[in-house]
């Protein structure tokens, strides 16, 4: 390959690499129900006793996440609508919407654990299927929500997770 062809090849590859979407390290796992085999289970610690809220520690979740590798757009903290604590809002690319719809439809009535850095940051009941490109994680304090936003956002400076 001559130098000119190589230069064009490299230039053509640059936009593709720059376009590769960052993904959030947040994963969502279904909480164990008792019928799963032990090999399907994973025991994870909570971020804090406040997150555990009296639930057994470590938490039992299914090893295979319901959602992972979600294409990240932005994250922010919002006040809780009921005025208690705060909400970490993880906004995803529009392409994540069908995956969220499928996961919430499949898990209606189930508890799911929001996991960052192999620790449970929140557990919630899926009460109904919904269509959105955001994941909302309720917390008891603004500090917890800020910590989730920081941890669930891709680390762009070092490239490490």
Protein backbone atom coordinates (compact mmCIF):
# COMPACT_ATOMS: atom_id res chain seq x y z
CA UNK A 1 0.00 0.00 0.00
CA UNK A 2 1.48 3.38 -0.95
CA UNK A 3 1.70 6.32 1.48
CA UNK A 4 -1.22 8.20 -0.09
CA UNK A 5 -3.54 5.18 0.15
CA UNK A 6 -2.44 4.58 3.74
CA UNK A 7 -3.13 8.23 4.66
CA UNK A 8 -6.63 8.06 3.13
CA UNK A 9 -7.30 4.78 4.93
CA UNK A 10 -6.23 6.28 8.27
CA UNK A 11 -8.28 9.45 7.71
CA UNK A 12 -11.33 7.37 6.83
CA UNK A 13 -10.98 5.39 10.06
CA UNK A 14 -10.68 8.44 12.35
CA UNK A 15 -14.34 9.54 12.17
CA UNK A 16 -15.49 5.97 12.87
CA UNK A 17 -13.35 5.77 16.00
CA UNK A 18 -14.47 9.22 17.19
CA UNK A 19 -18.10 8.25 16.61
CA UNK A 20 -17.92 5.15 18.81
CA UNK A 21 -20.44 5.75 21.56
CA UNK A 22 -19.42 5.87 25.19
CA UNK A 23 -21.40 3.46 27.32
CA UNK A 24 -22.37 3.83 30.94
CA UNK A 25 -20.90 1.38 33.47
CA UNK A 26 -24.36 1.20 35.09
CA UNK A 27 -25.92 -2.27 34.80
CA UNK A 28 -29.36 -3.45 35.86
CA UNK A 29 -29.80 -6.94 37.32
CA UNK A 30 -32.94 -8.73 38.46
CA UNK A 31 -32.94 -9.50 42.16
CA UNK A 32 -32.92 -13.24 42.96
CA UNK A 33 -36.33 -14.81 43.47
CA UNK A 34 -35.23 -18.16 44.88
CA UNK A 35 -35.90 -20.32 41.82
CA UNK A 36 -32.60 -19.62 40.06
CA UNK A 37 -29.65 -22.01 40.22
CA UNK A 38 -26.78 -20.92 42.48
CA UNK A 39 -24.52 -20.59 39.41
CA UNK A 40 -26.87 -17.90 38.03
CA UNK A 41 -26.58 -15.81 41.19
CA UNK A 42 -24.16 -13.10 42.21
CA UNK A 43 -23.75 -11.60 45.69
CA UNK A 44 -23.03 -7.88 45.67
CA UNK A 45 -22.52 -5.40 48.49
CA UNK A 46 -24.50 -2.19 48.79
CA UNK A 47 -22.88 1.23 48.59
CA UNK A 48 -24.09 1.97 52.10
CA UNK A 49 -26.38 0.72 54.85
CA UNK A 50 -28.82 3.44 53.79
CA UNK A 51 -29.08 1.85 50.34
CA UNK A 52 -29.55 -1.59 51.92
CA UNK A 53 -32.50 -0.30 53.99
CA UNK A 54 -32.57 -3.46 56.07
CA UNK A 55 -32.33 -5.86 53.12
CA UNK A 56 -29.89 -8.76 53.41
CA UNK A 57 -26.30 -7.71 52.70
CA UNK A 58 -24.84 -8.79 50.33
CA UNK A 59 -27.66 -8.54 47.82
CA UNK A 60 -28.48 -11.55 45.65
CA UNK A 61 -28.86 -10.61 41.98
CA UNK A 62 -28.82 -12.59 38.76
CA UNK A 63 -25.33 -12.76 37.32
CA UNK A 64 -26.48 -11.89 33.79
CA UNK A 65 -27.63 -8.25 33.68
CA UNK A 66 -31.00 -7.30 32.25
CA UNK A 67 -29.37 -4.19 30.79
CA UNK A 68 -25.69 -3.40 30.25
CA UNK A 69 -23.53 -1.46 27.82
CA UNK A 70 -26.09 1.30 27.47
CA UNK A 71 -25.13 4.17 25.12
CA UNK A 72 -24.55 7.18 27.38
CA UNK A 73 -25.64 10.74 26.61
CA UNK A 74 -25.62 12.68 29.90
CA UNK A 75 -26.23 12.41 33.63
CA UNK A 76 -27.55 14.86 36.20
CA UNK A 77 -29.12 15.14 39.64
CA UNK A 78 -32.72 16.30 40.04
CA UNK A 79 -34.82 16.85 43.15
CA UNK A 80 -37.07 13.94 44.08
CA UNK A 81 -40.68 14.71 43.00
CA UNK A 82 -41.94 13.70 46.47
CA UNK A 83 -39.39 15.98 48.13
CA UNK A 84 -37.46 13.13 49.77
CA UNK A 85 -33.85 12.72 48.64
CA UNK A 86 -32.78 13.17 45.03
CA UNK A 87 -32.84 11.35 41.70
CA UNK A 88 -29.84 10.44 39.58
CA UNK A 89 -30.97 10.78 35.96
CA UNK A 90 -28.90 8.75 33.51
CA UNK A 91 -29.84 9.88 30.01
CA UNK A 92 -29.08 7.47 27.20
CA UNK A 93 -28.99 7.73 23.45
CA UNK A 94 -32.36 7.24 21.77
CA UNK A 95 -31.21 3.81 20.58
CA UNK A 96 -31.53 2.53 24.19
CA UNK A 97 -35.31 3.14 24.31
CA UNK A 98 -36.36 -0.24 22.81
CA UNK A 99 -34.05 -2.09 25.20
CA UNK A 100 -35.53 -0.24 28.20
CA UNK A 101 -39.07 -0.93 26.94
CA UNK A 102 -38.30 -4.64 26.58
CA UNK A 103 -36.60 -4.88 29.99
CA UNK A 104 -39.41 -3.13 31.87
CA UNK A 105 -42.10 -5.15 30.07
CA UNK A 106 -40.30 -8.43 30.84
CA UNK A 107 -39.66 -7.49 34.48
CA UNK A 108 -43.00 -5.96 35.48
CA UNK A 109 -43.53 -6.86 39.14
CA UNK A 110 -39.87 -7.79 39.71
CA UNK A 111 -37.23 -6.09 41.81
CA UNK A 112 -34.16 -4.90 39.92
CA UNK A 113 -30.83 -3.72 41.27
CA UNK A 114 -28.94 -0.78 39.79
CA UNK A 115 -25.26 -1.72 39.94
CA UNK A 116 -22.17 0.46 39.49
CA UNK A 117 -18.63 -0.76 40.15
CA UNK A 118 -20.02 -4.14 41.33
CA UNK A 119 -21.98 -2.50 44.14
CA UNK A 120 -25.74 -2.05 44.43
CA UNK A 121 -26.67 1.64 44.37
CA UNK A 122 -30.44 1.16 44.46
CA UNK A 123 -33.15 -1.49 44.26
CA UNK A 124 -36.53 -0.72 42.73
CA UNK A 125 -39.71 -2.53 41.72
CA UNK A 126 -40.66 -2.37 38.04
CA UNK A 127 -44.33 -1.44 38.36
CA UNK A 128 -45.13 -1.00 34.68
CA UNK A 129 -43.49 -1.10 31.27
CA UNK A 130 -42.36 2.31 30.11
CA UNK A 131 -40.82 3.92 27.10
CA UNK A 132 -37.99 6.28 27.83
CA UNK A 133 -34.32 6.80 27.11
CA UNK A 134 -33.58 7.70 30.73
CA UNK A 135 -32.94 5.61 33.81
CA UNK A 136 -34.00 7.20 37.08
CA UNK A 137 -32.31 6.07 40.30
CA UNK A 138 -33.97 7.37 43.47
CA UNK A 139 -31.69 8.06 46.43
CA UNK A 140 -32.13 9.30 49.98
CA UNK A 141 -29.69 12.20 49.58
CA UNK A 142 -28.31 14.56 46.97
CA UNK A 143 -24.79 13.36 47.81
CA UNK A 144 -25.76 9.76 46.94
CA UNK A 145 -27.33 10.90 43.65
CA UNK A 146 -24.21 12.89 42.78
CA UNK A 147 -22.03 9.86 43.54
CA UNK A 148 -24.19 7.69 41.25
CA UNK A 149 -24.04 10.27 38.45
CA UNK A 150 -20.25 10.42 38.73
CA UNK A 151 -19.86 6.63 38.84
CA UNK A 152 -22.43 5.88 36.09
CA UNK A 153 -20.87 8.36 33.66
CA UNK A 154 -18.18 7.01 31.34
CA UNK A 155 -14.73 8.09 32.43
CA UNK A 156 -13.57 10.08 29.42
CA UNK A 157 -10.24 11.34 30.76
CA UNK A 158 -8.49 8.01 31.36
CA UNK A 159 -10.59 5.62 29.30
CA UNK A 160 -10.70 3.27 32.30
CA UNK A 161 -13.78 2.02 34.07
